[in-house]
Amino acid sequence: MTAPRIKHLGRVDYLPTVEAMRVFTETRAATDADEIWICEHPSVYTQGIAGRAAHVLDARGIPVVQTNRGGQVTYHGPGQVVAYPLVDLRRLGIYVKEYVYRLEHCVIKTLEGFGVTGHRVAGAPGIYVRLDDPFGHAAIERSDGDPFAGLGKIAALGIKVSRHCTYHGVALNVSMDLSPFDGIDPCGYVGLKTVDLATLRVSTDLATVAQRLGDRLASHLSQ
């Protein structure tokens, strides 16, 4: 099997990185190798295609960038690992639903390596943890009034597919200033809490999480 090439970019500005992904995707040949870009961004809010301005409550001077990915508004900033898989789904032999499942699975398994239990919420891409017991294995309890009751979001997901090839990706919160999330309705959900590994008292560093997440993604997106 051939695994995607992993490129660790360090801290890079958001807009040039997205443009580089777009060019890579639009100009790649059918035989070009897949890649996974791992990076960290300076503070920026990003809006998805369907993003509503009303979900930006107070930008606090942080740039708000319109993007062509799916999903609503989210925040990227220092202390967050961002992974951008640039893969050919047709060559991989999977569809978008399976691709999203694999991205989320890789985050869940990465968290598992730190003892944290990640959960999916139906209809709300990304990974969540139980705030009362992030290390326990009990299933999340459904609430008719609030599907996110008792949960904190630790990873956000937003993708773009062009000519069967993916870009944008997934962001996992490691050790951040979480206050900018208060300036938005994260992913379009009013009052959704956001957490990072540091909040859960997991002692690690960005490089370790980046390496583990990148390796997971490469393994699960190999052809």
Protein backbone atom coordinates (compact mmCIF):
# COMPACT_ATOMS: atom_id res chain seq x y z
CA MET A 1 0.00 0.00 0.00
CA THR A 2 1.08 3.57 -0.66
CA ALA A 3 0.58 6.05 2.15
CA PRO A 4 0.14 9.78 1.55
CA ARG A 5 3.22 11.93 2.06
CA ILE A 6 3.07 13.82 5.34
CA LYS A 7 4.33 17.40 5.28
CA HIS A 8 4.74 19.28 8.54
CA LEU A 9 4.45 22.97 7.64
CA GLY A 10 4.74 24.51 11.09
CA ARG A 11 2.82 27.72 11.80
CA VAL A 12 1.60 29.17 8.51
CA ASP A 13 -0.92 31.85 7.55
CA TYR A 14 -4.34 30.51 6.65
CA LEU A 15 -5.08 32.18 3.30
CA PRO A 16 -1.83 31.26 1.49
CA THR A 17 -2.18 27.70 2.77
CA VAL A 18 -5.72 27.35 1.45
CA GLU A 19 -4.69 28.80 -1.89
CA ALA A 20 -1.78 26.35 -2.10
CA MET A 21 -4.17 23.47 -1.39
CA ARG A 22 -6.55 24.68 -4.06
CA VAL A 23 -3.78 24.93 -6.66
CA PHE A 24 -2.41 21.52 -5.69
CA THR A 25 -5.86 19.97 -6.05
CA GLU A 26 -6.86 21.70 -9.28
CA THR A 27 -3.58 20.96 -11.06
CA ARG A 28 -2.72 17.50 -9.79
CA ALA A 29 -2.49 14.62 -12.26
CA ALA A 30 -4.21 11.29 -11.74
CA THR A 31 -0.86 9.71 -10.88
CA ASP A 32 0.31 12.35 -8.42
CA ALA A 33 0.87 11.10 -4.88
CA ASP A 34 -1.57 12.07 -2.14
CA GLU A 35 -0.31 14.32 0.64
CA ILE A 36 -1.29 15.29 4.17
CA TRP A 37 -0.34 18.77 5.31
CA ILE A 38 -0.04 19.26 9.07
CA CYS A 39 0.13 22.80 10.40
CA GLU A 40 -0.89 25.43 12.91
CA HIS A 41 -2.45 28.80 12.05
CA PRO A 42 -2.33 32.26 13.59
CA SER A 43 -5.71 33.39 14.91
CA VAL A 44 -8.43 33.40 12.23
CA TYR A 45 -12.15 32.72 11.93
CA THR A 46 -13.16 30.78 8.82
CA GLN A 47 -16.63 30.62 7.32
CA GLY A 48 -17.90 27.66 5.31
CA ILE A 49 -19.90 27.97 2.10
CA ALA A 50 -23.19 28.12 3.98
CA GLY A 51 -21.74 30.18 6.83
CA ARG A 52 -24.06 32.85 8.23
CA ALA A 53 -22.69 36.19 9.36
CA ALA A 54 -25.00 36.04 12.37
CA HIS A 55 -22.90 33.23 13.82
CA VAL A 56 -19.98 35.63 14.24
CA LEU A 57 -20.96 37.34 17.48
CA ASP A 58 -17.85 39.39 18.15
CA ALA A 59 -14.78 38.99 15.96
CA ARG A 60 -12.63 40.92 18.45
CA GLY A 61 -10.33 42.08 15.67
CA ILE A 62 -9.63 38.53 14.50
CA PRO A 63 -9.85 38.21 10.69
CA VAL A 64 -12.96 36.48 9.31
CA VAL A 65 -12.21 34.60 6.09
CA GLN A 66 -14.79 33.20 3.69
CA THR A 67 -13.83 29.76 2.40
CA ASN A 68 -15.16 27.14 -0.02
CA ARG A 69 -15.27 24.29 2.51
CA GLY A 70 -18.42 22.82 3.95
CA GLY A 71 -19.74 23.75 7.36
CA GLN A 72 -20.22 26.95 9.29
CA VAL A 73 -17.85 29.23 11.17
CA THR A 74 -14.93 27.93 13.23
CA TYR A 75 -11.75 29.26 14.78
CA HIS A 76 -8.12 28.34 14.13
CA GLY A 77 -5.32 29.52 16.35
CA PRO A 78 -2.03 28.68 18.05
CA GLY A 79 -2.11 25.44 20.00
CA GLN A 80 -4.37 23.66 17.51
CA VAL A 81 -3.25 20.91 15.14
CA VAL A 82 -4.76 21.32 11.67
CA ALA A 83 -4.55 18.43 9.22
CA TYR A 84 -5.28 18.86 5.51
CA PRO A 85 -5.49 15.52 3.65
CA LEU A 86 -5.12 16.02 -0.10
CA VAL A 87 -6.31 12.66 -1.34
CA ASP A 88 -7.95 11.24 -4.46
CA LEU A 89 -11.14 9.54 -3.26
CA ARG A 90 -11.77 7.79 -6.55
CA ARG A 91 -8.31 6.23 -6.47
CA LEU A 92 -8.81 5.35 -2.81
CA GLY A 93 -12.10 3.70 -3.73
CA ILE A 94 -14.32 5.49 -1.20
CA TYR A 95 -17.06 8.13 -1.18
CA VAL A 96 -17.33 11.30 0.88
CA LYS A 97 -19.34 9.70 3.71
CA GLU A 98 -16.67 7.06 4.25
CA TYR A 99 -13.93 9.70 4.01
CA VAL A 100 -15.55 11.78 6.76
CA TYR A 101 -15.95 8.66 8.88
CA ARG A 102 -12.22 7.91 8.51
CA LEU A 103 -11.20 11.44 9.45
CA GLU A 104 -13.32 11.29 12.59
CA HIS A 105 -12.04 7.79 13.38
CA CYS A 106 -8.44 9.02 13.20
CA VAL A 107 -9.21 11.80 15.67
CA ILE A 108 -10.98 9.35 18.00
CA LYS A 109 -8.00 6.98 17.93
CA THR A 110 -5.55 9.85 18.46
CA LEU A 111 -7.51 10.96 21.52
CA GLU A 112 -7.67 7.38 22.72
CA GLY A 113 -3.89 7.36 22.85
CA PHE A 114 -4.13 10.06 25.54
CA GLY A 115 -6.89 8.23 27.42
CA VAL A 116 -9.63 10.55 26.15
CA THR A 117 -12.88 9.13 24.75
CA GLY A 118 -14.13 10.94 21.66
CA HIS A 119 -17.73 10.77 20.47
CA ARG A 120 -19.63 11.50 17.28
CA VAL A 121 -22.91 13.43 17.27
CA ALA A 122 -25.28 12.52 14.45
CA GLY A 123 -25.62 15.33 11.92
CA ALA A 124 -22.85 17.42 13.49
CA PRO A 125 -19.44 16.51 12.01
CA GLY A 126 -16.51 16.68 14.37
CA ILE A 127 -15.57 14.97 17.62
CA TYR A 128 -16.92 15.70 21.09
CA VAL A 129 -16.07 14.68 24.66
CA ARG A 130 -18.19 14.26 27.76
CA LEU A 131 -17.32 17.17 30.02
CA ASP A 132 -18.25 15.28 33.18
CA ASP A 133 -16.12 12.25 32.31
CA PRO A 134 -13.86 12.71 29.27
CA PHE A 135 -11.93 9.54 30.10
CA GLY A 136 -14.94 7.28 30.64
CA HIS A 137 -16.40 4.98 28.01
CA ALA A 138 -20.11 5.45 28.61
CA ALA A 139 -22.16 6.44 25.57
CA ILE A 140 -23.34 10.03 25.40
CA GLU A 141 -26.88 10.64 26.60
CA ARG A 142 -29.30 12.20 24.15
CA SER A 143 -31.23 15.33 25.07
CA ASP A 144 -34.30 16.29 23.05
CA GLY A 145 -33.75 19.94 23.87
CA ASP A 146 -29.98 20.12 23.37
CA PRO A 147 -28.02 17.42 21.49
CA PHE A 148 -24.79 18.90 22.88
CA ALA A 149 -25.82 18.92 26.54
CA GLY A 150 -22.85 17.91 28.65
CA LEU A 151 -20.51 17.84 25.65
CA GLY A 152 -17.52 19.88 24.54
CA LYS A 153 -16.23 19.96 20.97
CA ILE A 154 -12.55 19.10 20.70
CA ALA A 155 -12.19 18.68 16.93
CA ALA A 156 -13.87 20.41 13.98
CA LEU A 157 -14.18 19.10 10.46
CA GLY A 158 -14.82 20.86 7.15
CA ILE A 159 -13.90 19.58 3.71
CA LYS A 160 -13.98 20.44 0.03
CA VAL A 161 -14.04 17.87 -2.78
CA SER A 162 -13.07 18.87 -6.31
CA ARG A 163 -12.70 16.35 -9.14
CA HIS A 164 -12.93 13.58 -6.52
CA CYS A 165 -9.96 15.09 -4.65
CA THR A 166 -10.14 16.49 -1.12
CA TYR A 167 -8.77 19.51 0.63
CA HIS A 168 -9.42 21.47 3.82
CA GLY A 169 -9.72 18.96 6.66
CA VAL A 170 -9.79 18.60 10.43
CA ALA A 171 -8.62 20.67 13.41
CA LEU A 172 -7.85 19.17 16.84
CA ASN A 173 -7.56 21.45 19.88
CA VAL A 174 -4.45 20.73 21.94
CA SER A 175 -3.49 23.69 24.15
CA MET A 176 -5.17 26.91 23.06
CA ASP A 177 -6.55 30.20 24.21
CA LEU A 178 -10.15 29.06 23.87
CA SER A 179 -11.69 32.50 24.45
CA PRO A 180 -12.03 33.33 20.70
CA PHE A 181 -14.59 30.52 20.45
CA ASP A 182 -16.81 32.70 22.65
CA GLY A 183 -16.94 35.19 19.79
CA ILE A 184 -18.80 32.76 17.51
CA ASP A 185 -21.45 30.08 17.50
CA PRO A 186 -18.96 27.26 16.87
CA CYS A 187 -19.90 25.40 13.69
CA GLY A 188 -23.20 27.28 13.76
CA TYR A 189 -24.42 25.88 17.10
CA VAL A 190 -25.48 28.43 19.69
CA GLY A 191 -23.82 27.89 23.05
CA LEU A 192 -21.70 24.93 21.96
CA LYS A 193 -18.78 24.53 24.36
CA THR A 194 -15.28 24.03 23.01
CA VAL A 195 -12.46 22.25 24.83
CA ASP A 196 -8.86 21.25 24.25
CA LEU A 197 -6.60 18.56 25.67
CA ALA A 198 -5.11 21.02 28.14
CA THR A 199 -8.57 21.77 29.56
CA LEU A 200 -8.94 18.02 30.11
CA ARG A 201 -5.60 18.07 31.97
CA VAL A 202 -3.85 15.98 29.38
CA SER A 203 -0.15 16.79 29.42
CA THR A 204 1.27 16.72 25.90
CA ASP A 205 2.57 19.07 23.24
CA LEU A 206 1.56 20.13 19.76
CA ALA A 207 4.33 18.22 17.99
CA THR A 208 3.36 14.92 19.62
CA VAL A 209 -0.31 15.29 18.73
CA ALA A 210 0.55 16.41 15.20
CA GLN A 211 2.75 13.35 14.67
CA ARG A 212 0.18 10.92 16.02
CA LEU A 213 -2.73 12.40 14.09
CA GLY A 214 -0.69 12.57 10.89
CA ASP A 215 0.37 8.94 11.23
CA ARG A 216 -3.23 7.84 11.84
CA LEU A 217 -4.47 9.70 8.80
CA ALA A 218 -1.71 8.33 6.60
CA SER A 219 -2.53 4.80 7.72
CA HIS A 220 -6.28 5.11 7.12
CA LEU A 221 -5.96 6.94 3.79
CA SER A 222 -3.39 4.61 2.21
CA GLN A 223 -4.06 3.15 -1.21
